[in-house]
């Protein structure tokens, strides 16, 4: 796990037209699994694959579980995902991960 700059991650995602966002998704998944192994979900690569083959449905579940792993409640993450602001969850999750790293 490493501390990531949220601003740079957003900038890189925009510059690479979303490709860095995929990498960020995978890193967030793996880091959150390491922080809270009791609520471990699929690895980052598998979570991305499941999101692709389920046409985004697994992504909604992923957002909820990410919130549960990092904050204890995934309701905010789920609501943001359902109303089209799932990208905000990346920012919230990275902020929480950065807090755990110190």
C-alpha atoms as a PDB file:
ATOM      1  CA  UNK A   1       0.000   0.000   0.000  1.00  0.00           C
ATOM      2  CA  UNK A   2       1.139   3.482  -0.721  1.00  0.00           C
ATOM      3  CA  UNK A   3      -0.262   6.920  -0.128  1.00  0.00           C
ATOM      4  CA  UNK A   4      -1.643   8.427  -3.349  1.00  0.00           C
ATOM      5  CA  UNK A   5      -2.363  12.032  -4.156  1.00  0.00           C
ATOM      6  CA  UNK A   6      -6.065  12.339  -4.941  1.00  0.00           C
ATOM      7  CA  UNK A   7      -5.535  15.353  -7.183  1.00  0.00           C
ATOM      8  CA  UNK A   8      -2.872  13.613  -9.248  1.00  0.00           C
ATOM      9  CA  UNK A   9      -4.976  10.466  -9.520  1.00  0.00           C
ATOM     10  CA  UNK A  10      -7.884  12.503 -10.889  1.00  0.00           C
ATOM     11  CA  UNK A  11      -5.574  14.362 -13.270  1.00  0.00           C
ATOM     12  CA  UNK A  12      -3.983  11.131 -14.549  1.00  0.00           C
ATOM     13  CA  UNK A  13      -7.432   9.595 -15.035  1.00  0.00           C
ATOM     14  CA  UNK A  14      -8.486  12.559 -17.166  1.00  0.00           C
ATOM     15  CA  UNK A  15      -5.232  12.685 -19.147  1.00  0.00           C
ATOM     16  CA  UNK A  16      -5.283   8.929 -19.902  1.00  0.00           C
ATOM     17  CA  UNK A  17      -9.005   9.004 -20.752  1.00  0.00           C
ATOM     18  CA  UNK A  18      -9.885   6.669 -17.887  1.00  0.00           C
ATOM     19  CA  UNK A  19      -7.110   4.098 -18.169  1.00  0.00           C
ATOM     20  CA  UNK A  20      -5.474   5.277 -14.946  1.00  0.00           C
ATOM     21  CA  UNK A  21      -8.953   5.079 -13.371  1.00  0.00           C
ATOM     22  CA  UNK A  22      -8.930   1.322 -13.999  1.00  0.00           C
ATOM     23  CA  UNK A  23      -5.551   1.021 -12.295  1.00  0.00           C
ATOM     24  CA  UNK A  24      -6.844   3.169  -9.422  1.00  0.00           C
ATOM     25  CA  UNK A  25      -9.923   0.920  -9.088  1.00  0.00           C
ATOM     26  CA  UNK A  26      -7.682  -2.146  -8.834  1.00  0.00           C
ATOM     27  CA  UNK A  27      -5.388  -0.473  -6.276  1.00  0.00           C
ATOM     28  CA  UNK A  28      -8.333   0.726  -4.160  1.00  0.00           C
ATOM     29  CA  UNK A  29      -9.737  -2.795  -4.093  1.00  0.00           C
ATOM     30  CA  UNK A  30      -6.449  -4.416  -3.115  1.00  0.00           C
ATOM     31  CA  UNK A  31      -5.620  -1.749  -0.511  1.00  0.00           C
ATOM     32  CA  UNK A  32      -9.063  -1.927   1.101  1.00  0.00           C
ATOM     33  CA  UNK A  33      -8.805  -5.737   1.254  1.00  0.00           C
ATOM     34  CA  UNK A  34      -5.462  -5.358   3.032  1.00  0.00           C
ATOM     35  CA  UNK A  35      -6.839  -2.801   5.507  1.00  0.00           C
ATOM     36  CA  UNK A  36      -9.897  -4.877   6.417  1.00  0.00           C
ATOM     37  CA  UNK A  37      -9.280  -8.565   5.661  1.00  0.00           C
ATOM     38  CA  UNK A  38     -12.437  -9.629   7.564  1.00  0.00           C
ATOM     39  CA  UNK A  39     -14.606  -8.071   4.818  1.00  0.00           C
ATOM     40  CA  UNK A  40     -12.310  -9.096   1.983  1.00  0.00           C
ATOM     41  CA  UNK A  41     -13.833  -9.167  -1.505  1.00  0.00           C
ATOM     42  CA  UNK A  42     -12.432 -10.227  -4.861  1.00  0.00           C
ATOM     43  CA  UNK A  43      -8.978  -9.004  -5.799  1.00  0.00           C
ATOM     44  CA  UNK A  44      -8.713  -5.817  -7.835  1.00  0.00           C
ATOM     45  CA  UNK A  45      -8.315  -7.562 -11.175  1.00  0.00           C
ATOM     46  CA  UNK A  46     -11.215  -9.925 -10.546  1.00  0.00           C
ATOM     47  CA  UNK A  47     -13.433  -7.112  -9.290  1.00  0.00           C
ATOM     48  CA  UNK A  48     -12.763  -5.189 -12.502  1.00  0.00           C
ATOM     49  CA  UNK A  49     -13.507  -8.291 -14.599  1.00  0.00           C
ATOM     50  CA  UNK A  50     -16.743  -8.967 -12.669  1.00  0.00           C
ATOM     51  CA  UNK A  51     -17.799  -5.347 -13.208  1.00  0.00           C
ATOM     52  CA  UNK A  52     -17.219  -5.699 -16.943  1.00  0.00           C
ATOM     53  CA  UNK A  53     -19.053  -8.986 -17.396  1.00  0.00           C
ATOM     54  CA  UNK A  54     -21.998  -7.908 -15.233  1.00  0.00           C
ATOM     55  CA  UNK A  55     -22.356  -4.603 -17.147  1.00  0.00           C
ATOM     56  CA  UNK A  56     -21.641  -2.568 -14.014  1.00  0.00           C
ATOM     57  CA  UNK A  57     -23.902  -4.368 -11.543  1.00  0.00           C
ATOM     58  CA  UNK A  58     -20.947  -5.773  -9.623  1.00  0.00           C
ATOM     59  CA  UNK A  59     -19.556  -2.224  -9.546  1.00  0.00           C
ATOM     60  CA  UNK A  60     -22.546  -1.106  -7.484  1.00  0.00           C
ATOM     61  CA  UNK A  61     -21.954  -3.963  -5.038  1.00  0.00           C
ATOM     62  CA  UNK A  62     -18.228  -3.128  -5.051  1.00  0.00           C
ATOM     63  CA  UNK A  63     -18.966   0.481  -4.089  1.00  0.00           C
ATOM     64  CA  UNK A  64     -21.134  -0.653  -1.177  1.00  0.00           C
ATOM     65  CA  UNK A  65     -18.543  -3.154   0.083  1.00  0.00           C
ATOM     66  CA  UNK A  66     -15.768  -0.574  -0.292  1.00  0.00           C
ATOM     67  CA  UNK A  67     -17.684   1.718   2.059  1.00  0.00           C
ATOM     68  CA  UNK A  68     -18.242  -1.114   4.534  1.00  0.00           C
ATOM     69  CA  UNK A  69     -14.556  -2.064   4.508  1.00  0.00           C
ATOM     70  CA  UNK A  70     -13.296   1.480   5.005  1.00  0.00           C
ATOM     71  CA  UNK A  71     -15.956   3.271   7.077  1.00  0.00           C
ATOM     72  CA  UNK A  72     -18.139   0.536   8.533  1.00  0.00           C
ATOM     73  CA  UNK A  73     -21.166   1.655   6.522  1.00  0.00           C
ATOM     74  CA  UNK A  74     -21.527   1.481   2.773  1.00  0.00           C
ATOM     75  CA  UNK A  75     -24.784   3.418   2.487  1.00  0.00           C
ATOM     76  CA  UNK A  76     -23.209   6.680   1.298  1.00  0.00           C
ATOM     77  CA  UNK A  77     -21.061   4.819  -1.221  1.00  0.00           C
ATOM     78  CA  UNK A  78     -24.112   2.898  -2.476  1.00  0.00           C
ATOM     79  CA  UNK A  79     -26.248   6.028  -2.847  1.00  0.00           C
ATOM     80  CA  UNK A  80     -23.493   7.900  -4.689  1.00  0.00           C
ATOM     81  CA  UNK A  81     -23.066   4.936  -7.007  1.00  0.00           C
ATOM     82  CA  UNK A  82     -26.781   4.668  -7.730  1.00  0.00           C
ATOM     83  CA  UNK A  83     -27.212   8.358  -8.583  1.00  0.00           C
ATOM     84  CA  UNK A  84     -24.227   8.438 -10.935  1.00  0.00           C
ATOM     85  CA  UNK A  85     -21.543   9.828  -8.661  1.00  0.00           C
ATOM     86  CA  UNK A  86     -19.574   6.598  -8.182  1.00  0.00           C
ATOM     87  CA  UNK A  87     -16.385   8.454  -9.095  1.00  0.00           C
ATOM     88  CA  UNK A  88     -16.714  10.371  -5.809  1.00  0.00           C
ATOM     89  CA  UNK A  89     -16.315   7.029  -4.030  1.00  0.00           C
ATOM     90  CA  UNK A  90     -12.783   6.758  -5.433  1.00  0.00           C
ATOM     91  CA  UNK A  91     -11.936  10.068  -3.776  1.00  0.00           C
ATOM     92  CA  UNK A  92     -13.577   9.133  -0.457  1.00  0.00           C
ATOM     93  CA  UNK A  93     -11.929   5.707  -0.446  1.00  0.00           C
ATOM     94  CA  UNK A  94      -8.475   7.059  -1.258  1.00  0.00           C
ATOM     95  CA  UNK A  95      -8.847   9.596   1.519  1.00  0.00           C
ATOM     96  CA  UNK A  96      -9.699   6.831   4.002  1.00  0.00           C
ATOM     97  CA  UNK A  97      -6.821   4.642   2.779  1.00  0.00           C
ATOM     98  CA  UNK A  98      -4.406   7.563   3.107  1.00  0.00           C
ATOM     99  CA  UNK A  99      -5.582   8.003   6.734  1.00  0.00           C
ATOM    100  CA  UNK A 100      -4.851   4.348   7.476  1.00  0.00           C
ATOM    101  CA  UNK A 101      -1.387   4.588   5.980  1.00  0.00           C
ATOM    102  CA  UNK A 102      -0.588   7.600   8.101  1.00  0.00           C
END
